[in-house]
Amino acid sequence: MTLSKGLITPPAVIDATNNYLEAEDAIMAWMSDWCERDPNAWESSTGLFAAWKAWAERSGEYVGTIRRFAQALERHGITFLRKNKARGYVGLRLVGDAR
């Protein structure tokens, strides 16, 4: 009788999963270091991404694209909102080193 090992996860899937989890941890670390959650706060998309990029480069993290960054913010409950003609997010305020 032979025991089945089940499906073997391809290395590309393992790498992609690890990269995703590392990025999620990095976003949370950035938010902890340079932001505060405030349901009434609004920050521009470009301002947030610039702060993320500066933090990520200092921390040796992968910066990625603004689209990937936006998706990560939304997964963490930060809501996209246009204010007048500016694009930004509600629920997060840049503080400390980010300013």
PDB file of N, CA and C in Angstrom:
ATOM      1  N   MET A   1       0.836  -1.167   0.000  1.00  0.00           N
ATOM      2  CA  MET A   1       0.000   0.000   0.000  1.00  0.00           C
ATOM      3  C   MET A   1       0.892   1.245   0.000  1.00  0.00           C
ATOM      4  N   THR A   2       0.576   2.213  -0.858  1.00  0.00           N
ATOM      5  CA  THR A   2       1.362   3.425  -0.991  1.00  0.00           C
ATOM      6  C   THR A   2       0.584   4.597  -0.388  1.00  0.00           C
ATOM      7  N   LEU A   3       1.265   5.397   0.398  1.00  0.00           N
ATOM      8  CA  LEU A   3       0.625   6.575   0.973  1.00  0.00           C
ATOM      9  C   LEU A   3       0.787   7.745   0.022  1.00  0.00           C
ATOM     10  N   SER A   4      -0.281   8.454  -0.199  1.00  0.00           N
ATOM     11  CA  SER A   4      -0.244   9.624  -1.061  1.00  0.00           C
ATOM     12  C   SER A   4       0.213  10.840  -0.257  1.00  0.00           C
ATOM     13  N   LYS A   5       1.041  11.644  -0.873  1.00  0.00           N
ATOM     14  CA  LYS A   5       1.515  12.859  -0.222  1.00  0.00           C
ATOM     15  C   LYS A   5       0.613  14.045  -0.539  1.00  0.00           C
ATOM     16  N   GLY A   6      -0.381  13.851  -1.374  1.00  0.00           N
ATOM     17  CA  GLY A   6      -1.258  14.958  -1.742  1.00  0.00           C
ATOM     18  C   GLY A   6      -0.599  15.835  -2.794  1.00  0.00           C
ATOM     19  N   LEU A   7      -1.165  16.989  -2.970  1.00  0.00           N
ATOM     20  CA  LEU A   7      -0.623  17.926  -3.947  1.00  0.00           C
ATOM     21  C   LEU A   7       0.627  18.596  -3.387  1.00  0.00           C
ATOM     22  N   ILE A   8       1.589  18.764  -4.246  1.00  0.00           N
ATOM     23  CA  ILE A   8       2.819  19.444  -3.861  1.00  0.00           C
ATOM     24  C   ILE A   8       2.712  20.888  -4.331  1.00  0.00           C
ATOM     25  N   THR A   9       2.933  21.815  -3.422  1.00  0.00           N
ATOM     26  CA  THR A   9       2.845  23.235  -3.756  1.00  0.00           C
ATOM     27  C   THR A   9       4.047  23.630  -4.603  1.00  0.00           C
ATOM     28  N   PRO A  10       3.786  24.213  -5.773  1.00  0.00           N
ATOM     29  CA  PRO A  10       4.901  24.647  -6.632  1.00  0.00           C
ATOM     30  C   PRO A  10       5.736  25.735  -5.951  1.00  0.00           C
ATOM     31  N   PRO A  11       7.036  25.738  -6.187  1.00  0.00           N
ATOM     32  CA  PRO A  11       7.908  26.751  -5.578  1.00  0.00           C
ATOM     33  C   PRO A  11       7.464  28.184  -5.883  1.00  0.00           C
ATOM     34  N   ALA A  12       6.944  28.434  -7.073  1.00  0.00           N
ATOM     35  CA  ALA A  12       6.502  29.787  -7.424  1.00  0.00           C
ATOM     36  C   ALA A  12       5.362  30.243  -6.515  1.00  0.00           C
ATOM     37  N   VAL A  13       4.490  29.329  -6.152  1.00  0.00           N
ATOM     38  CA  VAL A  13       3.373  29.668  -5.263  1.00  0.00           C
ATOM     39  C   VAL A  13       3.895  29.943  -3.853  1.00  0.00           C
ATOM     40  N   ILE A  14       4.837  29.140  -3.402  1.00  0.00           N
ATOM     41  CA  ILE A  14       5.437  29.350  -2.087  1.00  0.00           C
ATOM     42  C   ILE A  14       6.132  30.709  -2.043  1.00  0.00           C
ATOM     43  N   ASP A  15       6.910  31.038  -3.075  1.00  0.00           N
ATOM     44  CA  ASP A  15       7.604  32.328  -3.133  1.00  0.00           C
ATOM     45  C   ASP A  15       6.614  33.483  -3.146  1.00  0.00           C
ATOM     46  N   ALA A  16       5.572  33.378  -3.960  1.00  0.00           N
ATOM     47  CA  ALA A  16       4.572  34.448  -4.045  1.00  0.00           C
ATOM     48  C   ALA A  16       3.871  34.641  -2.702  1.00  0.00           C
ATOM     49  N   THR A  17       3.549  33.557  -2.030  1.00  0.00           N
ATOM     50  CA  THR A  17       2.902  33.642  -0.717  1.00  0.00           C
ATOM     51  C   THR A  17       3.826  34.300   0.299  1.00  0.00           C
ATOM     52  N   ASN A  18       5.086  33.892   0.308  1.00  0.00           N
ATOM     53  CA  ASN A  18       6.052  34.493   1.240  1.00  0.00           C
ATOM     54  C   ASN A  18       6.231  35.977   0.976  1.00  0.00           C
ATOM     55  N   ASN A  19       6.315  36.366  -0.303  1.00  0.00           N
ATOM     56  CA  ASN A  19       6.457  37.782  -0.655  1.00  0.00           C
ATOM     57  C   ASN A  19       5.241  38.579  -0.194  1.00  0.00           C
ATOM     58  N   TYR A  20       4.061  38.009  -0.371  1.00  0.00           N
ATOM     59  CA  TYR A  20       2.828  38.669   0.049  1.00  0.00           C
ATOM     60  C   TYR A  20       2.831  38.876   1.566  1.00  0.00           C
ATOM     61  N   LEU A  21       3.154  37.835   2.308  1.00  0.00           N
ATOM     62  CA  LEU A  21       3.144  37.930   3.764  1.00  0.00           C
ATOM     63  C   LEU A  21       4.197  38.915   4.267  1.00  0.00           C
ATOM     64  N   GLU A  22       5.362  38.931   3.642  1.00  0.00           N
ATOM     65  CA  GLU A  22       6.393  39.896   4.014  1.00  0.00           C
ATOM     66  C   GLU A  22       5.923  41.310   3.749  1.00  0.00           C
ATOM     67  N   ALA A  23       5.269  41.538   2.613  1.00  0.00           N
ATOM     68  CA  ALA A  23       4.768  42.866   2.273  1.00  0.00           C
ATOM     69  C   ALA A  23       3.701  43.303   3.262  1.00  0.00           C
ATOM     70  N   GLU A  24       2.817  42.388   3.649  1.00  0.00           N
ATOM     71  CA  GLU A  24       1.791  42.722   4.624  1.00  0.00           C
ATOM     72  C   GLU A  24       2.418  43.129   5.943  1.00  0.00           C
ATOM     73  N   ASP A  25       3.421  42.399   6.394  1.00  0.00           N
ATOM     74  CA  ASP A  25       4.106  42.739   7.630  1.00  0.00           C
ATOM     75  C   ASP A  25       4.776  44.101   7.501  1.00  0.00           C
ATOM     76  N   ALA A  26       5.361  44.394   6.356  1.00  0.00           N
ATOM     77  CA  ALA A  26       6.035  45.668   6.144  1.00  0.00           C
ATOM     78  C   ALA A  26       5.035  46.817   6.163  1.00  0.00           C
ATOM     79  N   ILE A  27       3.889  46.656   5.546  1.00  0.00           N
ATOM     80  CA  ILE A  27       2.859  47.705   5.564  1.00  0.00           C
ATOM     81  C   ILE A  27       2.421  47.977   7.003  1.00  0.00           C
ATOM     82  N   MET A  28       2.205  46.916   7.761  1.00  0.00           N
ATOM     83  CA  MET A  28       1.798  47.092   9.158  1.00  0.00           C
ATOM     84  C   MET A  28       2.898  47.784   9.966  1.00  0.00           C
ATOM     85  N   ALA A  29       4.142  47.426   9.716  1.00  0.00           N
ATOM     86  CA  ALA A  29       5.252  48.065  10.424  1.00  0.00           C
ATOM     87  C   ALA A  29       5.330  49.542  10.062  1.00  0.00           C
ATOM     88  N   TRP A  30       5.167  49.874   8.780  1.00  0.00           N
ATOM     89  CA  TRP A  30       5.167  51.267   8.331  1.00  0.00           C
ATOM     90  C   TRP A  30       4.037  52.039   8.996  1.00  0.00           C
ATOM     91  N   MET A  31       2.845  51.451   8.999  1.00  0.00           N
ATOM     92  CA  MET A  31       1.703  52.126   9.612  1.00  0.00           C
ATOM     93  C   MET A  31       1.959  52.354  11.101  1.00  0.00           C
ATOM     94  N   SER A  32       2.576  51.407  11.758  1.00  0.00           N
ATOM     95  CA  SER A  32       2.881  51.531  13.184  1.00  0.00           C
ATOM     96  C   SER A  32       3.924  52.626  13.436  1.00  0.00           C
ATOM     97  N   ASP A  33       4.924  52.715  12.545  1.00  0.00           N
ATOM     98  CA  ASP A  33       6.012  53.691  12.709  1.00  0.00           C
ATOM     99  C   ASP A  33       5.622  55.108  12.302  1.00  0.00           C
ATOM    100  N   TRP A  34       4.922  55.252  11.185  1.00  0.00           N
ATOM    101  CA  TRP A  34       4.747  56.569  10.580  1.00  0.00           C
ATOM    102  C   TRP A  34       3.308  57.052  10.474  1.00  0.00           C
ATOM    103  N   CYS A  35       2.360  56.290  10.997  1.00  0.00           N
ATOM    104  CA  CYS A  35       0.957  56.673  10.832  1.00  0.00           C
ATOM    105  C   CYS A  35       0.192  56.491  12.128  1.00  0.00           C
ATOM    106  N   GLU A  36      -0.973  57.113  12.157  1.00  0.00           N
ATOM    107  CA  GLU A  36      -1.930  56.800  13.192  1.00  0.00           C
ATOM    108  C   GLU A  36      -3.288  56.659  12.523  1.00  0.00           C
ATOM    109  N   ARG A  37      -4.066  55.737  13.038  1.00  0.00           N
ATOM    110  CA  ARG A  37      -5.410  55.537  12.504  1.00  0.00           C
ATOM    111  C   ARG A  37      -6.335  56.579  13.111  1.00  0.00           C
ATOM    112  N   ASP A  38      -7.096  57.223  12.235  1.00  0.00           N
ATOM    113  CA  ASP A  38      -8.064  58.221  12.653  1.00  0.00           C
ATOM    114  C   ASP A  38      -9.179  58.192  11.618  1.00  0.00           C
ATOM    115  N   PRO A  39     -10.392  57.834  12.025  1.00  0.00           N
ATOM    116  CA  PRO A  39     -11.478  57.714  11.048  1.00  0.00           C
ATOM    117  C   PRO A  39     -11.797  59.018  10.326  1.00  0.00           C
ATOM    118  N   ASN A  40     -11.369  60.152  10.880  1.00  0.00           N
ATOM    119  CA  ASN A  40     -11.638  61.448  10.254  1.00  0.00           C
ATOM    120  C   ASN A  40     -10.471  61.984   9.433  1.00  0.00           C
ATOM    121  N   ALA A  41      -9.343  61.297   9.464  1.00  0.00           N
ATOM    122  CA  ALA A  41      -8.156  61.764   8.745  1.00  0.00           C
ATOM    123  C   ALA A  41      -8.269  61.448   7.260  1.00  0.00           C
ATOM    124  N   TRP A  42      -7.649  62.290   6.442  1.00  0.00           N
ATOM    125  CA  TRP A  42      -7.549  62.067   5.003  1.00  0.00           C
ATOM    126  C   TRP A  42      -6.141  62.436   4.591  1.00  0.00           C
ATOM    127  N   GLU A  43      -5.507  61.556   3.833  1.00  0.00           N
ATOM    128  CA  GLU A  43      -4.167  61.811   3.282  1.00  0.00           C
ATOM    129  C   GLU A  43      -4.191  61.510   1.796  1.00  0.00           C
ATOM    130  N   SER A  44      -3.429  62.282   1.033  1.00  0.00           N
ATOM    131  CA  SER A  44      -3.385  62.056  -0.412  1.00  0.00           C
ATOM    132  C   SER A  44      -2.672  60.748  -0.736  1.00  0.00           C
ATOM    133  N   SER A  45      -3.056  60.153  -1.842  1.00  0.00           N
ATOM    134  CA  SER A  45      -2.415  58.915  -2.294  1.00  0.00           C
ATOM    135  C   SER A  45      -0.927  59.128  -2.516  1.00  0.00           C
ATOM    136  N   THR A  46      -0.575  60.239  -3.156  1.00  0.00           N
ATOM    137  CA  THR A  46       0.835  60.489  -3.448  1.00  0.00           C
ATOM    138  C   THR A  46       1.631  60.718  -2.165  1.00  0.00           C
ATOM    139  N   GLY A  47       1.040  61.411  -1.192  1.00  0.00           N
ATOM    140  CA  GLY A  47       1.720  61.630   0.081  1.00  0.00           C
ATOM    141  C   GLY A  47       1.962  60.337   0.835  1.00  0.00           C
ATOM    142  N   LEU A  48       0.947  59.488   0.868  1.00  0.00           N
ATOM    143  CA  LEU A  48       1.092  58.203   1.549  1.00  0.00           C
ATOM    144  C   LEU A  48       2.134  57.332   0.853  1.00  0.00           C
ATOM    145  N   PHE A  49       2.071  57.275  -0.477  1.00  0.00           N
ATOM    146  CA  PHE A  49       3.021  56.427  -1.190  1.00  0.00           C
ATOM    147  C   PHE A  49       4.444  56.948  -1.037  1.00  0.00           C
ATOM    148  N   ALA A  50       4.619  58.279  -1.062  1.00  0.00           N
ATOM    149  CA  ALA A  50       5.953  58.853  -0.872  1.00  0.00           C
ATOM    150  C   ALA A  50       6.502  58.486   0.512  1.00  0.00           C
ATOM    151  N   ALA A  51       5.637  58.544   1.533  1.00  0.00           N
ATOM    152  CA  ALA A  51       6.059  58.177   2.883  1.00  0.00           C
ATOM    153  C   ALA A  51       6.389  56.690   2.957  1.00  0.00           C
ATOM    154  N   TRP A  52       5.552  55.861   2.351  1.00  0.00           N
ATOM    155  CA  TRP A  52       5.809  54.415   2.310  1.00  0.00           C
ATOM    156  C   TRP A  52       7.145  54.143   1.617  1.00  0.00           C
ATOM    157  N   LYS A  53       7.367  54.784   0.470  1.00  0.00           N
ATOM    158  CA  LYS A  53       8.589  54.551  -0.293  1.00  0.00           C
ATOM    159  C   LYS A  53       9.823  54.924   0.524  1.00  0.00           C
ATOM    160  N   ALA A  54       9.766  56.080   1.190  1.00  0.00           N
ATOM    161  CA  ALA A  54      10.902  56.515   2.011  1.00  0.00           C
ATOM    162  C   ALA A  54      11.152  55.523   3.143  1.00  0.00           C
ATOM    163  N   TRP A  55      10.087  55.093   3.809  1.00  0.00           N
ATOM    164  CA  TRP A  55      10.225  54.133   4.909  1.00  0.00           C
ATOM    165  C   TRP A  55      10.772  52.806   4.399  1.00  0.00           C
ATOM    166  N   ALA A  56      10.194  52.314   3.296  1.00  0.00           N
ATOM    167  CA  ALA A  56      10.598  51.015   2.744  1.00  0.00           C
ATOM    168  C   ALA A  56      12.063  51.033   2.329  1.00  0.00           C
ATOM    169  N   GLU A  57      12.505  52.107   1.688  1.00  0.00           N
ATOM    170  CA  GLU A  57      13.905  52.192   1.264  1.00  0.00           C
ATOM    171  C   GLU A  57      14.839  52.229   2.466  1.00  0.00           C
ATOM    172  N   ARG A  58      14.468  52.967   3.509  1.00  0.00           N
ATOM    173  CA  ARG A  58      15.283  53.010   4.734  1.00  0.00           C
ATOM    174  C   ARG A  58      15.327  51.651   5.423  1.00  0.00           C
ATOM    175  N   SER A  59      14.218  50.914   5.313  1.00  0.00           N
ATOM    176  CA  SER A  59      14.081  49.640   6.022  1.00  0.00           C
ATOM    177  C   SER A  59      14.518  48.438   5.197  1.00  0.00           C
ATOM    178  N   GLY A  60      14.914  48.676   3.949  1.00  0.00           N
ATOM    179  CA  GLY A  60      15.333  47.581   3.084  1.00  0.00           C
ATOM    180  C   GLY A  60      14.174  46.726   2.596  1.00  0.00           C
ATOM    181  N   GLU A  61      12.981  47.305   2.542  1.00  0.00           N
ATOM    182  CA  GLU A  61      11.796  46.590   2.073  1.00  0.00           C
ATOM    183  C   GLU A  61      11.562  46.880   0.602  1.00  0.00           C
ATOM    184  N   TYR A  62      10.889  45.966  -0.049  1.00  0.00           N
ATOM    185  CA  TYR A  62      10.507  46.144  -1.451  1.00  0.00           C
ATOM    186  C   TYR A  62       9.421  47.211  -1.527  1.00  0.00           C
ATOM    187  N   VAL A  63       9.617  48.235  -2.349  1.00  0.00           N
ATOM    188  CA  VAL A  63       8.658  49.333  -2.451  1.00  0.00           C
ATOM    189  C   VAL A  63       7.424  48.901  -3.235  1.00  0.00           C
ATOM    190  N   GLY A  64       7.607  48.295  -4.378  1.00  0.00           N
ATOM    191  CA  GLY A  64       6.480  47.877  -5.204  1.00  0.00           C
ATOM    192  C   GLY A  64       5.828  49.050  -5.918  1.00  0.00           C
ATOM    193  N   THR A  65       4.668  48.793  -6.463  1.00  0.00           N
ATOM    194  CA  THR A  65       3.951  49.808  -7.223  1.00  0.00           C
ATOM    195  C   THR A  65       2.925  50.509  -6.343  1.00  0.00           C
ATOM    196  N   ILE A  66       2.473  51.656  -6.795  1.00  0.00           N
ATOM    197  CA  ILE A  66       1.438  52.375  -6.055  1.00  0.00           C
ATOM    198  C   ILE A  66       0.142  51.566  -6.033  1.00  0.00           C
ATOM    199  N   ARG A  67      -0.098  50.799  -7.065  1.00  0.00           N
ATOM    200  CA  ARG A  67      -1.304  49.964  -7.101  1.00  0.00           C
ATOM    201  C   ARG A  67      -1.244  48.883  -6.014  1.00  0.00           C
ATOM    202  N   ARG A  68      -0.117  48.227  -5.903  1.00  0.00           N
ATOM    203  CA  ARG A  68       0.056  47.199  -4.878  1.00  0.00           C
ATOM    204  C   ARG A  68      -0.067  47.805  -3.482  1.00  0.00           C
ATOM    205  N   PHE A  69       0.500  48.992  -3.304  1.00  0.00           N
ATOM    206  CA  PHE A  69       0.413  49.715  -2.041  1.00  0.00           C
ATOM    207  C   PHE A  69      -1.044  50.047  -1.720  1.00  0.00           C
ATOM    208  N   ALA A  70      -1.773  50.544  -2.706  1.00  0.00           N
ATOM    209  CA  ALA A  70      -3.186  50.889  -2.514  1.00  0.00           C
ATOM    210  C   ALA A  70      -4.004  49.664  -2.121  1.00  0.00           C
ATOM    211  N   GLN A  71      -3.741  48.550  -2.759  1.00  0.00           N
ATOM    212  CA  GLN A  71      -4.452  47.314  -2.418  1.00  0.00           C
ATOM    213  C   GLN A  71      -4.160  46.893  -0.986  1.00  0.00           C
ATOM    214  N   ALA A  72      -2.916  47.058  -0.559  1.00  0.00           N
ATOM    215  CA  ALA A  72      -2.551  46.692   0.817  1.00  0.00           C
ATOM    216  C   ALA A  72      -3.264  47.606   1.817  1.00  0.00           C
ATOM    217  N   LEU A  73      -3.336  48.910   1.512  1.00  0.00           N
ATOM    218  CA  LEU A  73      -4.050  49.818   2.405  1.00  0.00           C
ATOM    219  C   LEU A  73      -5.513  49.409   2.539  1.00  0.00           C
ATOM    220  N   GLU A  74      -6.133  49.106   1.423  1.00  0.00           N
ATOM    221  CA  GLU A  74      -7.549  48.743   1.446  1.00  0.00           C
ATOM    222  C   GLU A  74      -7.778  47.440   2.205  1.00  0.00           C
ATOM    223  N   ARG A  75      -6.853  46.507   2.111  1.00  0.00           N
ATOM    224  CA  ARG A  75      -6.966  45.266   2.883  1.00  0.00           C
ATOM    225  C   ARG A  75      -6.894  45.532   4.388  1.00  0.00           C
ATOM    226  N   HIS A  76      -6.256  46.632   4.756  1.00  0.00           N
ATOM    227  CA  HIS A  76      -6.129  46.996   6.169  1.00  0.00           C
ATOM    228  C   HIS A  76      -7.200  47.986   6.607  1.00  0.00           C
ATOM    229  N   GLY A  77      -8.240  48.129   5.811  1.00  0.00           N
ATOM    230  CA  GLY A  77      -9.373  48.953   6.215  1.00  0.00           C
ATOM    231  C   GLY A  77      -9.229  50.436   5.958  1.00  0.00           C
ATOM    232  N   ILE A  78      -8.242  50.829   5.173  1.00  0.00           N
ATOM    233  CA  ILE A  78      -8.069  52.238   4.820  1.00  0.00           C
ATOM    234  C   ILE A  78      -8.825  52.452   3.509  1.00  0.00           C
ATOM    235  N   THR A  79      -9.770  53.376   3.507  1.00  0.00           N
ATOM    236  CA  THR A  79     -10.720  53.542   2.409  1.00  0.00           C
ATOM    237  C   THR A  79     -10.300  54.639   1.444  1.00  0.00           C
ATOM    238  N   PHE A  80     -10.333  54.316   0.154  1.00  0.00           N
ATOM    239  CA  PHE A  80     -10.043  55.296  -0.895  1.00  0.00           C
ATOM    240  C   PHE A  80     -11.181  56.301  -0.975  1.00  0.00           C
ATOM    241  N   LEU A  81     -10.839  57.594  -1.108  1.00  0.00           N
ATOM    242  CA  LEU A  81     -11.854  58.641  -1.241  1.00  0.00           C
ATOM    243  C   LEU A  81     -11.271  59.818  -2.006  1.00  0.00           C
ATOM    244  N   ARG A  82     -11.997  60.231  -3.042  1.00  0.00           N
ATOM    245  CA  ARG A  82     -11.615  61.466  -3.741  1.00  0.00           C
ATOM    246  C   ARG A  82     -12.138  62.647  -2.946  1.00  0.00           C
ATOM    247  N   LYS A  83     -11.294  63.623  -2.774  1.00  0.00           N
ATOM    248  CA  LYS A  83     -11.663  64.842  -2.054  1.00  0.00           C
ATOM    249  C   LYS A  83     -11.421  65.986  -3.024  1.00  0.00           C
ATOM    250  N   ASN A  84     -12.513  66.612  -3.455  1.00  0.00           N
ATOM    251  CA  ASN A  84     -12.474  67.544  -4.570  1.00  0.00           C
ATOM    252  C   ASN A  84     -11.939  66.753  -5.767  1.00  0.00           C
ATOM    253  N   LYS A  85     -10.779  67.099  -6.301  1.00  0.00           N
ATOM    254  CA  LYS A  85     -10.232  66.322  -7.411  1.00  0.00           C
ATOM    255  C   LYS A  85      -9.018  65.498  -6.984  1.00  0.00           C
ATOM    256  N   ALA A  86      -8.685  65.580  -5.709  1.00  0.00           N
ATOM    257  CA  ALA A  86      -7.513  64.861  -5.202  1.00  0.00           C
ATOM    258  C   ALA A  86      -7.896  63.436  -4.812  1.00  0.00           C
ATOM    259  N   ARG A  87      -6.970  62.532  -5.023  1.00  0.00           N
ATOM    260  CA  ARG A  87      -7.156  61.127  -4.640  1.00  0.00           C
ATOM    261  C   ARG A  87      -6.451  60.891  -3.326  1.00  0.00           C
ATOM    262  N   GLY A  88      -7.125  60.147  -2.453  1.00  0.00           N
ATOM    263  CA  GLY A  88      -6.508  59.879  -1.167  1.00  0.00           C
ATOM    264  C   GLY A  88      -7.249  58.817  -0.388  1.00  0.00           C
ATOM    265  N   TYR A  89      -6.914  58.737   0.881  1.00  0.00           N
ATOM    266  CA  TYR A  89      -7.462  57.699   1.747  1.00  0.00           C
ATOM    267  C   TYR A  89      -7.944  58.288   3.059  1.00  0.00           C
ATOM    268  N   VAL A  90      -9.040  57.742   3.537  1.00  0.00           N
ATOM    269  CA  VAL A  90      -9.627  58.115   4.820  1.00  0.00           C
ATOM    270  C   VAL A  90      -9.240  57.063   5.843  1.00  0.00           C
ATOM    271  N   GLY A  91      -8.911  57.520   7.047  1.00  0.00           N
ATOM    272  CA  GLY A  91      -8.661  56.586   8.137  1.00  0.00           C
ATOM    273  C   GLY A  91      -7.216  56.481   8.562  1.00  0.00           C
ATOM    274  N   LEU A  92      -6.331  57.234   7.916  1.00  0.00           N
ATOM    275  CA  LEU A  92      -4.903  57.137   8.227  1.00  0.00           C
ATOM    276  C   LEU A  92      -4.282  58.527   8.155  1.00  0.00           C
ATOM    277  N   ARG A  93      -3.477  58.855   9.164  1.00  0.00           N
ATOM    278  CA  ARG A  93      -2.789  60.147   9.196  1.00  0.00           C
ATOM    279  C   ARG A  93      -1.295  59.894   9.314  1.00  0.00           C
ATOM    280  N   LEU A  94      -0.515  60.599   8.511  1.00  0.00           N
ATOM    281  CA  LEU A  94       0.942  60.526   8.603  1.00  0.00           C
ATOM    282  C   LEU A  94       1.404  61.342   9.811  1.00  0.00           C
ATOM    283  N   VAL A  95       2.339  60.808  10.570  1.00  0.00           N
ATOM    284  CA  VAL A  95       2.864  61.505  11.747  1.00  0.00           C
ATOM    285  C   VAL A  95       4.368  61.309  11.821  1.00  0.00           C
ATOM    286  N   GLY A  96       4.995  61.999  12.737  1.00  0.00           N
ATOM    287  CA  GLY A  96       6.423  61.796  13.014  1.00  0.00           C
ATOM    288  C   GLY A  96       7.311  61.981  11.813  1.00  0.00           C
ATOM    289  N   ASP A  97       8.157  60.983  11.551  1.00  0.00           N
ATOM    290  CA  ASP A  97       9.130  61.027  10.464  1.00  0.00           C
ATOM    291  C   ASP A  97       8.488  61.204   9.096  1.00  0.00           C
ATOM    292  N   ALA A  98       7.231  60.856   8.982  1.00  0.00           N
ATOM    293  CA  ALA A  98       6.558  60.913   7.692  1.00  0.00           C
ATOM    294  C   ALA A  98       6.272  62.342   7.251  1.00  0.00           C
ATOM    295  N   ARG A  99       6.266  63.273   8.157  1.00  0.00           N
ATOM    296  CA  ARG A  99       5.936  64.663   7.823  1.00  0.00           C
ATOM    297  C   ARG A  99       7.150  65.400   7.432  1.00  0.00           C
TER     298      ARG A  99
END
